[in-house]
Amino acid sequence: MWEELLLDYMGEFSNHCIPFPGLLEMLRELKENRFCCKVKKYS
């Protein structure tokens, strides 16, 4: 059962999450300071 939930989360979360204002800027700053490895651009 948990495997199905994990697969659903991994496959569908990005379709339902709502970013907060300034999220991309924050992720870019984290990346520049090596707190983050990858910023994926969504359009």
C-alpha atoms as a PDB file:
ATOM      1  CA  MET A   1       0.000   0.000   0.000  1.00  0.00           C
ATOM      2  CA  TRP A   2       2.701   2.536   0.921  1.00  0.00           C
ATOM      3  CA  GLU A   3       4.449   1.795  -2.374  1.00  0.00           C
ATOM      4  CA  GLU A   4       1.349   2.882  -4.292  1.00  0.00           C
ATOM      5  CA  LEU A   5       1.125   6.071  -2.241  1.00  0.00           C
ATOM      6  CA  LEU A   6       4.797   6.813  -2.877  1.00  0.00           C
ATOM      7  CA  LEU A   7       4.422   6.284  -6.613  1.00  0.00           C
ATOM      8  CA  ASP A   8       1.358   8.532  -6.655  1.00  0.00           C
ATOM      9  CA  TYR A   9       3.235  11.213  -4.722  1.00  0.00           C
ATOM     10  CA  MET A  10       6.252  11.036  -7.020  1.00  0.00           C
ATOM     11  CA  GLY A  11       4.148  11.089 -10.170  1.00  0.00           C
ATOM     12  CA  GLU A  12       1.416  13.551  -9.273  1.00  0.00           C
ATOM     13  CA  PHE A  13       2.627  15.975  -6.590  1.00  0.00           C
ATOM     14  CA  SER A  14       4.057  18.464  -9.067  1.00  0.00           C
ATOM     15  CA  ASN A  15       0.634  18.653 -10.751  1.00  0.00           C
ATOM     16  CA  HIS A  16      -1.020  19.827  -7.538  1.00  0.00           C
ATOM     17  CA  CYS A  17       1.533  21.817  -5.532  1.00  0.00           C
ATOM     18  CA  ILE A  18       1.211  25.598  -5.442  1.00  0.00           C
ATOM     19  CA  PRO A  19       4.430  27.623  -5.190  1.00  0.00           C
ATOM     20  CA  PHE A  20       4.567  30.593  -2.871  1.00  0.00           C
ATOM     21  CA  PRO A  21       5.588  34.084  -4.033  1.00  0.00           C
ATOM     22  CA  GLY A  22       9.350  34.332  -4.424  1.00  0.00           C
ATOM     23  CA  LEU A  23       9.903  30.558  -4.566  1.00  0.00           C
ATOM     24  CA  LEU A  24      12.057  30.538  -7.698  1.00  0.00           C
ATOM     25  CA  GLU A  25      14.204  33.386  -6.411  1.00  0.00           C
ATOM     26  CA  MET A  26      14.688  31.559  -3.112  1.00  0.00           C
ATOM     27  CA  LEU A  27      15.661  28.337  -4.905  1.00  0.00           C
ATOM     28  CA  ARG A  28      18.139  30.227  -7.092  1.00  0.00           C
ATOM     29  CA  GLU A  29      19.722  31.791  -4.021  1.00  0.00           C
ATOM     30  CA  LEU A  30      19.928  28.412  -2.304  1.00  0.00           C
ATOM     31  CA  LYS A  31      21.532  26.955  -5.421  1.00  0.00           C
ATOM     32  CA  GLU A  32      24.088  29.771  -5.575  1.00  0.00           C
ATOM     33  CA  ASN A  33      24.958  29.068  -1.932  1.00  0.00           C
ATOM     34  CA  ARG A  34      25.125  25.305  -2.623  1.00  0.00           C
ATOM     35  CA  PHE A  35      22.067  24.465  -0.499  1.00  0.00           C
ATOM     36  CA  CYS A  36      20.261  23.098  -3.531  1.00  0.00           C
ATOM     37  CA  CYS A  37      21.423  20.977  -6.437  1.00  0.00           C
ATOM     38  CA  LYS A  38      18.876  21.639  -9.174  1.00  0.00           C
ATOM     39  CA  VAL A  39      16.181  24.187  -9.984  1.00  0.00           C
ATOM     40  CA  LYS A  40      13.598  22.932 -12.454  1.00  0.00           C
ATOM     41  CA  LYS A  41      11.783  25.632 -14.400  1.00  0.00           C
ATOM     42  CA  TYR A  42       8.053  25.186 -14.802  1.00  0.00           C
ATOM     43  CA  SER A  43       6.037  27.225 -17.248  1.00  0.00           C
END
